[in-house]
C-alpha atoms as a PDB file:
ATOM      1  CA  UNK A   1       0.000   0.008   0.006  1.00  0.00           C
ATOM      2  CA  UNK A   2       1.392   3.401  -0.986  1.00  0.00           C
ATOM      3  CA  UNK A   3       1.545   6.422   1.258  1.00  0.00           C
ATOM      4  CA  UNK A   4      -1.305   8.039  -0.639  1.00  0.00           C
ATOM      5  CA  UNK A   5      -3.448   4.959  -0.231  1.00  0.00           C
ATOM      6  CA  UNK A   6      -2.831   4.952   3.523  1.00  0.00           C
ATOM      7  CA  UNK A   7      -3.705   8.640   3.635  1.00  0.00           C
ATOM      8  CA  UNK A   8      -6.994   8.020   1.848  1.00  0.00           C
ATOM      9  CA  UNK A   9      -7.742   5.137   4.187  1.00  0.00           C
ATOM     10  CA  UNK A  10      -7.082   7.315   7.249  1.00  0.00           C
ATOM     11  CA  UNK A  11      -9.157  10.092   5.788  1.00  0.00           C
ATOM     12  CA  UNK A  12     -12.070   7.739   5.142  1.00  0.00           C
ATOM     13  CA  UNK A  13     -11.895   6.501   8.754  1.00  0.00           C
ATOM     14  CA  UNK A  14     -12.253  10.022  10.144  1.00  0.00           C
ATOM     15  CA  UNK A  15     -14.479  11.323   7.344  1.00  0.00           C
ATOM     16  CA  UNK A  16     -17.673  11.466   9.363  1.00  0.00           C
ATOM     17  CA  UNK A  17     -15.917  13.080  12.286  1.00  0.00           C
ATOM     18  CA  UNK A  18     -14.398  15.693  10.016  1.00  0.00           C
ATOM     19  CA  UNK A  19     -17.751  16.289   8.351  1.00  0.00           C
ATOM     20  CA  UNK A  20     -19.302  16.800  11.756  1.00  0.00           C
ATOM     21  CA  UNK A  21     -16.663  19.300  12.734  1.00  0.00           C
ATOM     22  CA  UNK A  22     -17.079  21.033   9.378  1.00  0.00           C
ATOM     23  CA  UNK A  23     -20.822  21.350   9.913  1.00  0.00           C
ATOM     24  CA  UNK A  24     -20.326  22.707  13.440  1.00  0.00           C
ATOM     25  CA  UNK A  25     -17.717  25.180  12.217  1.00  0.00           C
ATOM     26  CA  UNK A  26     -19.953  26.276   9.337  1.00  0.00           C
ATOM     27  CA  UNK A  27     -22.913  26.791  11.665  1.00  0.00           C
ATOM     28  CA  UNK A  28     -20.794  28.758  14.157  1.00  0.00           C
ATOM     29  CA  UNK A  29     -19.316  30.913  11.427  1.00  0.00           C
ATOM     30  CA  UNK A  30     -22.757  31.557   9.960  1.00  0.00           C
ATOM     31  CA  UNK A  31     -24.183  32.627  13.327  1.00  0.00           C
ATOM     32  CA  UNK A  32     -21.218  34.799  14.186  1.00  0.00           C
ATOM     33  CA  UNK A  33     -21.306  36.552  10.812  1.00  0.00           C
ATOM     34  CA  UNK A  34     -25.003  37.355  11.180  1.00  0.00           C
ATOM     35  CA  UNK A  35     -24.237  39.303  14.362  1.00  0.00           C
ATOM     36  CA  UNK A  36     -21.574  41.451  12.696  1.00  0.00           C
ATOM     37  CA  UNK A  37     -22.563  44.947  11.571  1.00  0.00           C
ATOM     38  CA  UNK A  38     -23.573  45.185   7.941  1.00  0.00           C
ATOM     39  CA  UNK A  39     -21.310  47.156   5.651  1.00  0.00           C
ATOM     40  CA  UNK A  40     -22.679  48.831   2.535  1.00  0.00           C
ATOM     41  CA  UNK A  41     -20.768  50.179  -0.469  1.00  0.00           C
ATOM     42  CA  UNK A  42     -21.860  52.924  -2.853  1.00  0.00           C
ATOM     43  CA  UNK A  43     -19.934  54.138  -5.908  1.00  0.00           C
ATOM     44  CA  UNK A  44     -19.872  57.359  -7.925  1.00  0.00           C
ATOM     45  CA  UNK A  45     -18.244  57.577 -11.368  1.00  0.00           C
ATOM     46  CA  UNK A  46     -16.208  60.420 -12.863  1.00  0.00           C
ATOM     47  CA  UNK A  47     -14.891  60.804 -16.399  1.00  0.00           C
ATOM     48  CA  UNK A  48     -11.588  62.462 -17.187  1.00  0.00           C
ATOM     49  CA  UNK A  49     -12.206  63.745 -20.716  1.00  0.00           C
ATOM     50  CA  UNK A  50      -9.746  64.184 -23.531  1.00  0.00           C
ATOM     51  CA  UNK A  51      -7.630  67.372 -23.578  1.00  0.00           C
ATOM     52  CA  UNK A  52      -9.405  70.533 -24.729  1.00  0.00           C
ATOM     53  CA  UNK A  53      -8.035  73.975 -25.449  1.00  0.00           C
ATOM     54  CA  UNK A  54      -8.942  76.444 -22.722  1.00  0.00           C
ATOM     55  CA  UNK A  55      -7.620  79.537 -24.469  1.00  0.00           C
ATOM     56  CA  UNK A  56      -7.136  80.950 -27.917  1.00  0.00           C
ATOM     57  CA  UNK A  57      -3.891  82.864 -27.381  1.00  0.00           C
ATOM     58  CA  UNK A  58      -0.373  81.630 -27.046  1.00  0.00           C
ATOM     59  CA  UNK A  59       0.002  83.060 -23.543  1.00  0.00           C
ATOM     60  CA  UNK A  60      -3.124  81.378 -22.165  1.00  0.00           C
ATOM     61  CA  UNK A  61      -2.288  78.337 -20.013  1.00  0.00           C
ATOM     62  CA  UNK A  62      -3.260  74.998 -21.424  1.00  0.00           C
ATOM     63  CA  UNK A  63      -4.505  72.439 -18.893  1.00  0.00           C
ATOM     64  CA  UNK A  64      -4.162  68.772 -19.677  1.00  0.00           C
ATOM     65  CA  UNK A  65      -5.804  66.012 -17.663  1.00  0.00           C
ATOM     66  CA  UNK A  66      -3.514  64.603 -15.050  1.00  0.00           C
ATOM     67  CA  UNK A  67      -2.346  61.021 -15.072  1.00  0.00           C
ATOM     68  CA  UNK A  68      -4.682  58.524 -13.472  1.00  0.00           C
ATOM     69  CA  UNK A  69      -2.188  57.932 -10.655  1.00  0.00           C
ATOM     70  CA  UNK A  70      -2.174  61.693  -9.868  1.00  0.00           C
ATOM     71  CA  UNK A  71      -5.954  61.750  -9.540  1.00  0.00           C
ATOM     72  CA  UNK A  72      -5.860  58.678  -7.293  1.00  0.00           C
ATOM     73  CA  UNK A  73      -3.316  60.262  -4.999  1.00  0.00           C
ATOM     74  CA  UNK A  74      -5.145  63.592  -4.972  1.00  0.00           C
ATOM     75  CA  UNK A  75      -8.319  61.803  -3.907  1.00  0.00           C
ATOM     76  CA  UNK A  76      -6.566  61.001  -0.587  1.00  0.00           C
ATOM     77  CA  UNK A  77      -4.909  64.370  -0.277  1.00  0.00           C
ATOM     78  CA  UNK A  78      -5.525  66.747   2.593  1.00  0.00           C
ATOM     79  CA  UNK A  79      -7.387  69.311   0.434  1.00  0.00           C
ATOM     80  CA  UNK A  80      -9.953  66.747  -0.680  1.00  0.00           C
ATOM     81  CA  UNK A  81     -10.319  65.013   2.690  1.00  0.00           C
ATOM     82  CA  UNK A  82     -10.743  68.347   4.480  1.00  0.00           C
ATOM     83  CA  UNK A  83     -13.921  68.929   2.457  1.00  0.00           C
ATOM     84  CA  UNK A  84     -15.095  65.451   3.426  1.00  0.00           C
ATOM     85  CA  UNK A  85     -14.411  66.103   7.106  1.00  0.00           C
ATOM     86  CA  UNK A  86     -16.322  69.384   6.999  1.00  0.00           C
ATOM     87  CA  UNK A  87     -19.341  67.597   5.522  1.00  0.00           C
ATOM     88  CA  UNK A  88     -19.061  64.486   7.703  1.00  0.00           C
ATOM     89  CA  UNK A  89     -17.220  65.431  10.904  1.00  0.00           C
ATOM     90  CA  UNK A  90     -15.899  62.465  12.821  1.00  0.00           C
ATOM     91  CA  UNK A  91     -16.893  59.904  10.183  1.00  0.00           C
ATOM     92  CA  UNK A  92     -13.553  59.431   8.441  1.00  0.00           C
ATOM     93  CA  UNK A  93     -10.820  57.664  10.456  1.00  0.00           C
ATOM     94  CA  UNK A  94      -7.626  59.536  11.225  1.00  0.00           C
ATOM     95  CA  UNK A  95      -5.282  56.793  10.040  1.00  0.00           C
ATOM     96  CA  UNK A  96      -4.479  56.984   6.309  1.00  0.00           C
ATOM     97  CA  UNK A  97      -4.636  53.198   5.936  1.00  0.00           C
ATOM     98  CA  UNK A  98      -8.128  53.041   7.389  1.00  0.00           C
ATOM     99  CA  UNK A  99      -9.255  55.949   5.169  1.00  0.00           C
ATOM    100  CA  UNK A 100      -8.186  53.938   2.130  1.00  0.00           C
ATOM    101  CA  UNK A 101     -10.227  51.020   3.448  1.00  0.00           C
ATOM    102  CA  UNK A 102     -13.317  53.185   3.800  1.00  0.00           C
ATOM    103  CA  UNK A 103     -12.825  55.204   0.621  1.00  0.00           C
ATOM    104  CA  UNK A 104     -11.544  53.421  -2.445  1.00  0.00           C
ATOM    105  CA  UNK A 105     -10.821  54.748  -5.910  1.00  0.00           C
ATOM    106  CA  UNK A 106      -9.926  52.835  -9.051  1.00  0.00           C
ATOM    107  CA  UNK A 107      -9.410  53.932 -12.630  1.00  0.00           C
ATOM    108  CA  UNK A 108     -10.640  52.311 -15.818  1.00  0.00           C
ATOM    109  CA  UNK A 109      -8.830  53.168 -19.032  1.00  0.00           C
ATOM    110  CA  UNK A 110     -11.232  53.505 -21.959  1.00  0.00           C
ATOM    111  CA  UNK A 111     -10.291  51.631 -25.132  1.00  0.00           C
ATOM    112  CA  UNK A 112      -9.294  53.736 -28.111  1.00  0.00           C
ATOM    113  CA  UNK A 113      -9.044  57.101 -26.318  1.00  0.00           C
ATOM    114  CA  UNK A 114      -7.158  58.894 -23.594  1.00  0.00           C
ATOM    115  CA  UNK A 115     -10.223  59.231 -21.373  1.00  0.00           C
ATOM    116  CA  UNK A 116     -10.293  57.573 -17.968  1.00  0.00           C
ATOM    117  CA  UNK A 117     -13.250  56.562 -15.806  1.00  0.00           C
ATOM    118  CA  UNK A 118     -12.753  56.843 -12.043  1.00  0.00           C
ATOM    119  CA  UNK A 119     -14.916  54.798  -9.699  1.00  0.00           C
ATOM    120  CA  UNK A 120     -15.060  56.282  -6.198  1.00  0.00           C
ATOM    121  CA  UNK A 121     -16.498  53.848  -3.659  1.00  0.00           C
ATOM    122  CA  UNK A 122     -17.396  54.539  -0.037  1.00  0.00           C
ATOM    123  CA  UNK A 123     -18.194  51.975   2.642  1.00  0.00           C
ATOM    124  CA  UNK A 124     -20.288  52.541   5.718  1.00  0.00           C
ATOM    125  CA  UNK A 125     -22.700  50.763   8.010  1.00  0.00           C
ATOM    126  CA  UNK A 126     -25.437  53.195   6.940  1.00  0.00           C
ATOM    127  CA  UNK A 127     -26.395  52.752   3.253  1.00  0.00           C
ATOM    128  CA  UNK A 128     -27.575  56.331   2.854  1.00  0.00           C
ATOM    129  CA  UNK A 129     -24.393  57.698   4.341  1.00  0.00           C
ATOM    130  CA  UNK A 130     -22.326  55.443   2.101  1.00  0.00           C
ATOM    131  CA  UNK A 131     -23.993  57.007  -0.948  1.00  0.00           C
ATOM    132  CA  UNK A 132     -23.594  60.528   0.475  1.00  0.00           C
ATOM    133  CA  UNK A 133     -19.878  59.889   1.178  1.00  0.00           C
ATOM    134  CA  UNK A 134     -19.249  58.682  -2.364  1.00  0.00           C
ATOM    135  CA  UNK A 135     -21.041  61.651  -3.941  1.00  0.00           C
ATOM    136  CA  UNK A 136     -19.311  64.152  -1.649  1.00  0.00           C
ATOM    137  CA  UNK A 137     -15.953  62.566  -2.395  1.00  0.00           C
ATOM    138  CA  UNK A 138     -16.522  62.880  -6.141  1.00  0.00           C
ATOM    139  CA  UNK A 139     -17.558  66.517  -5.768  1.00  0.00           C
ATOM    140  CA  UNK A 140     -14.539  67.254  -3.559  1.00  0.00           C
ATOM    141  CA  UNK A 141     -12.189  65.790  -6.160  1.00  0.00           C
ATOM    142  CA  UNK A 142     -13.798  67.878  -8.882  1.00  0.00           C
ATOM    143  CA  UNK A 143     -13.522  71.014  -6.728  1.00  0.00           C
ATOM    144  CA  UNK A 144      -9.846  70.299  -6.115  1.00  0.00           C
ATOM    145  CA  UNK A 145      -9.193  70.024  -9.852  1.00  0.00           C
ATOM    146  CA  UNK A 146     -11.097  73.246 -10.581  1.00  0.00           C
ATOM    147  CA  UNK A 147      -9.066  75.054  -7.912  1.00  0.00           C
ATOM    148  CA  UNK A 148      -5.889  73.718  -9.523  1.00  0.00           C
ATOM    149  CA  UNK A 149      -6.948  75.084 -12.930  1.00  0.00           C
ATOM    150  CA  UNK A 150      -7.906  78.474 -11.476  1.00  0.00           C
ATOM    151  CA  UNK A 151      -4.544  78.642  -9.749  1.00  0.00           C
ATOM    152  CA  UNK A 152      -2.847  78.125 -13.115  1.00  0.00           C
ATOM    153  CA  UNK A 153      -4.882  80.983 -14.604  1.00  0.00           C
ATOM    154  CA  UNK A 154      -4.124  83.139 -11.559  1.00  0.00           C
ATOM    155  CA  UNK A 155      -0.409  82.675 -12.089  1.00  0.00           C
ATOM    156  CA  UNK A 156      -0.847  83.515 -15.768  1.00  0.00           C
ATOM    157  CA  UNK A 157      -2.738  86.694 -14.800  1.00  0.00           C
ATOM    158  CA  UNK A 158       0.059  87.764 -12.442  1.00  0.00           C
ATOM    159  CA  UNK A 159       2.613  87.151 -15.190  1.00  0.00           C
ATOM    160  CA  UNK A 160       0.656  89.270 -17.683  1.00  0.00           C
ATOM    161  CA  UNK A 161       0.204  92.069 -15.117  1.00  0.00           C
ATOM    162  CA  UNK A 162       3.955  92.109 -14.505  1.00  0.00           C
ATOM    163  CA  UNK A 163       4.593  92.323 -18.222  1.00  0.00           C
ATOM    164  CA  UNK A 164       2.111  95.220 -18.539  1.00  0.00           C
ATOM    165  CA  UNK A 165       3.891  97.074 -15.747  1.00  0.00           C
ATOM    166  CA  UNK A 166       7.195  96.526 -17.508  1.00  0.00           C
ATOM    167  CA  UNK A 167       5.742  97.915 -20.747  1.00  0.00           C
ATOM    168  CA  UNK A 168       4.443 100.951 -18.832  1.00  0.00           C
ATOM    169  CA  UNK A 169       7.936 101.585 -17.522  1.00  0.00           C
ATOM    170  CA  UNK A 170       9.351 101.344 -21.012  1.00  0.00           C
ATOM    171  CA  UNK A 171       6.665 103.692 -22.325  1.00  0.00           C
ATOM    172  CA  UNK A 172       7.549 106.283 -19.695  1.00  0.00           C
ATOM    173  CA  UNK A 173      11.209 106.092 -20.721  1.00  0.00           C
ATOM    174  CA  UNK A 174      10.706 105.909 -24.506  1.00  0.00           C
ATOM    175  CA  UNK A 175      11.268 109.095 -26.501  1.00  0.00           C
ATOM    176  CA  UNK A 176      10.991 107.724 -30.006  1.00  0.00           C
ATOM    177  CA  UNK A 177       7.467 107.774 -31.436  1.00  0.00           C
ATOM    178  CA  UNK A 178       8.001 104.489 -33.254  1.00  0.00           C
ATOM    179  CA  UNK A 179       9.080 102.780 -30.063  1.00  0.00           C
ATOM    180  CA  UNK A 180       6.107 104.258 -28.256  1.00  0.00           C
ATOM    181  CA  UNK A 181       3.701 102.976 -30.912  1.00  0.00           C
ATOM    182  CA  UNK A 182       5.191  99.504 -30.717  1.00  0.00           C
ATOM    183  CA  UNK A 183       4.979  99.492 -26.939  1.00  0.00           C
ATOM    184  CA  UNK A 184       1.371 100.722 -26.991  1.00  0.00           C
ATOM    185  CA  UNK A 185       0.440  97.982 -29.418  1.00  0.00           C
ATOM    186  CA  UNK A 186       2.227  95.432 -27.245  1.00  0.00           C
ATOM    187  CA  UNK A 187       0.389  96.746 -24.168  1.00  0.00           C
ATOM    188  CA  UNK A 188      -2.965  96.545 -25.916  1.00  0.00           C
ATOM    189  CA  UNK A 189      -2.257  92.902 -26.872  1.00  0.00           C
ATOM    190  CA  UNK A 190      -1.255  92.072 -23.306  1.00  0.00           C
ATOM    191  CA  UNK A 191      -4.409  93.683 -21.952  1.00  0.00           C
ATOM    192  CA  UNK A 192      -6.517  91.608 -24.350  1.00  0.00           C
ATOM    193  CA  UNK A 193      -4.753  88.425 -23.212  1.00  0.00           C
ATOM    194  CA  UNK A 194      -5.168  89.467 -19.567  1.00  0.00           C
ATOM    195  CA  UNK A 195      -8.903  89.933 -20.110  1.00  0.00           C
ATOM    196  CA  UNK A 196      -9.179  86.492 -21.711  1.00  0.00           C
ATOM    197  CA  UNK A 197      -7.223  84.815 -18.913  1.00  0.00           C
ATOM    198  CA  UNK A 198      -9.294  86.520 -16.217  1.00  0.00           C
ATOM    199  CA  UNK A 199     -12.492  85.461 -17.971  1.00  0.00           C
ATOM    200  CA  UNK A 200     -11.240  81.881 -18.196  1.00  0.00           C
ATOM    201  CA  UNK A 201     -10.208  81.997 -14.524  1.00  0.00           C
ATOM    202  CA  UNK A 202     -13.723  82.966 -13.471  1.00  0.00           C
ATOM    203  CA  UNK A 203     -15.448  80.361 -15.658  1.00  0.00           C
ATOM    204  CA  UNK A 204     -12.904  77.529 -15.608  1.00  0.00           C
ATOM    205  CA  UNK A 205     -14.135  73.995 -15.081  1.00  0.00           C
ATOM    206  CA  UNK A 206     -12.080  70.864 -14.652  1.00  0.00           C
ATOM    207  CA  UNK A 207     -11.725  67.925 -16.999  1.00  0.00           C
ATOM    208  CA  UNK A 208     -13.551  65.659 -14.518  1.00  0.00           C
ATOM    209  CA  UNK A 209     -17.249  65.311 -15.270  1.00  0.00           C
ATOM    210  CA  UNK A 210     -19.832  63.313 -13.361  1.00  0.00           C
ATOM    211  CA  UNK A 211     -20.904  60.125 -15.100  1.00  0.00           C
ATOM    212  CA  UNK A 212     -23.133  58.656 -12.426  1.00  0.00           C
ATOM    213  CA  UNK A 213     -24.004  59.580  -8.880  1.00  0.00           C
ATOM    214  CA  UNK A 214     -23.840  56.989  -6.152  1.00  0.00           C
ATOM    215  CA  UNK A 215     -27.175  55.382  -5.342  1.00  0.00           C
ATOM    216  CA  UNK A 216     -28.217  54.051  -1.976  1.00  0.00           C
ATOM    217  CA  UNK A 217     -27.230  50.361  -1.879  1.00  0.00           C
ATOM    218  CA  UNK A 218     -29.889  47.802  -0.985  1.00  0.00           C
ATOM    219  CA  UNK A 219     -27.608  44.864  -0.178  1.00  0.00           C
ATOM    220  CA  UNK A 220     -24.637  44.703   2.161  1.00  0.00           C
ATOM    221  CA  UNK A 221     -21.252  43.616   0.851  1.00  0.00           C
ATOM    222  CA  UNK A 222     -20.334  42.271   4.297  1.00  0.00           C
ATOM    223  CA  UNK A 223     -20.965  40.040   6.134  1.00  0.00           C
ATOM    224  CA  UNK A 224     -21.750  37.158   3.790  1.00  0.00           C
ATOM    225  CA  UNK A 225     -22.937  34.379   6.085  1.00  0.00           C
ATOM    226  CA  UNK A 226     -23.177  31.638   3.452  1.00  0.00           C
ATOM    227  CA  UNK A 227     -19.736  32.404   2.043  1.00  0.00           C
ATOM    228  CA  UNK A 228     -18.246  32.560   5.531  1.00  0.00           C
ATOM    229  CA  UNK A 229     -19.842  29.232   6.467  1.00  0.00           C
ATOM    230  CA  UNK A 230     -18.527  27.581   3.307  1.00  0.00           C
ATOM    231  CA  UNK A 231     -15.004  28.866   3.908  1.00  0.00           C
ATOM    232  CA  UNK A 232     -15.103  27.588   7.505  1.00  0.00           C
ATOM    233  CA  UNK A 233     -16.289  24.113   6.443  1.00  0.00           C
ATOM    234  CA  UNK A 234     -13.690  23.794   3.679  1.00  0.00           C
ATOM    235  CA  UNK A 235     -10.953  25.011   6.040  1.00  0.00           C
ATOM    236  CA  UNK A 236     -11.843  22.331   8.611  1.00  0.00           C
ATOM    237  CA  UNK A 237     -11.766  19.577   5.983  1.00  0.00           C
ATOM    238  CA  UNK A 238      -8.482  20.854   4.562  1.00  0.00           C
ATOM    239  CA  UNK A 239      -6.940  21.164   8.013  1.00  0.00           C
ATOM    240  CA  UNK A 240      -8.040  17.611   8.895  1.00  0.00           C
ATOM    241  CA  UNK A 241      -6.538  16.279   5.668  1.00  0.00           C
ATOM    242  CA  UNK A 242      -3.230  18.058   6.405  1.00  0.00           C
ATOM    243  CA  UNK A 243      -3.068  16.777   9.982  1.00  0.00           C
ATOM    244  CA  UNK A 244      -3.766  13.216   8.833  1.00  0.00           C
ATOM    245  CA  UNK A 245      -1.058  13.501   6.223  1.00  0.00           C
ATOM    246  CA  UNK A 246       1.427  14.718   8.852  1.00  0.00           C
ATOM    247  CA  UNK A 247       0.436  11.917  11.239  1.00  0.00           C
ATOM    248  CA  UNK A 248       0.818   9.226   8.576  1.00  0.00           C
ATOM    249  CA  UNK A 249       4.178  10.680   7.523  1.00  0.00           C
ATOM    250  CA  UNK A 250       5.462  10.639  11.119  1.00  0.00           C
ATOM    251  CA  UNK A 251       4.116   7.160  11.795  1.00  0.00           C
ATOM    252  CA  UNK A 252       5.654   5.867   8.540  1.00  0.00           C
ATOM    253  CA  UNK A 253       9.069   7.363   9.341  1.00  0.00           C
ATOM    254  CA  UNK A 254       9.109   5.900  12.866  1.00  0.00           C
ATOM    255  CA  UNK A 255       7.715   2.546  11.792  1.00  0.00           C
END
């Protein structure tokens, strides 16, 4: 008789006992899981569109969508989470690792284009609050991106204002009419660009657009009593098989 045959024989001897233990473990796991608090998950979806031109002049800043990894990191940044904490004080954990367990973001690259879909999921014991967390998180990420774009336009405005002041200084010092005409024309062009940039700053919107708001979930993602019971039963059977294999191996080596 081979070692495997002896193992099967030993397993068949204790099969009913192992099945009994598996049933008891499955029942215990099922009961324990039913007493655990239910956790619900809601998801909102954002689309990062293809690049668009935000200005018509060479001096106007051009904003390109960030890489997917940058958006994922920004979603856990302090500026975004501060908005979440103002809306839901005391709900988000202080530890960064636990925040990433409660709030999860993943990106889906669309085929044939540079657009990216972001799925922002929030977990909570209250299904309505889970949906509210996901929607607030999506809005906070969009607000962060819009603030980033406006900051770029603000810097462009400051740069144009500095150039206009420099032209004014040159105009005050210029004595040649030709130079004065050139400087006035340059100043007029800079003022037009400054007006465009200021208008874009006031009306700028980000590349992130809302695809779908999070809806209130009707089923909990955890606990799953049947799945937990099945895992417990299989684990008991597997553990029994391993222990019998070790016992037969030790008895074979000593015999």
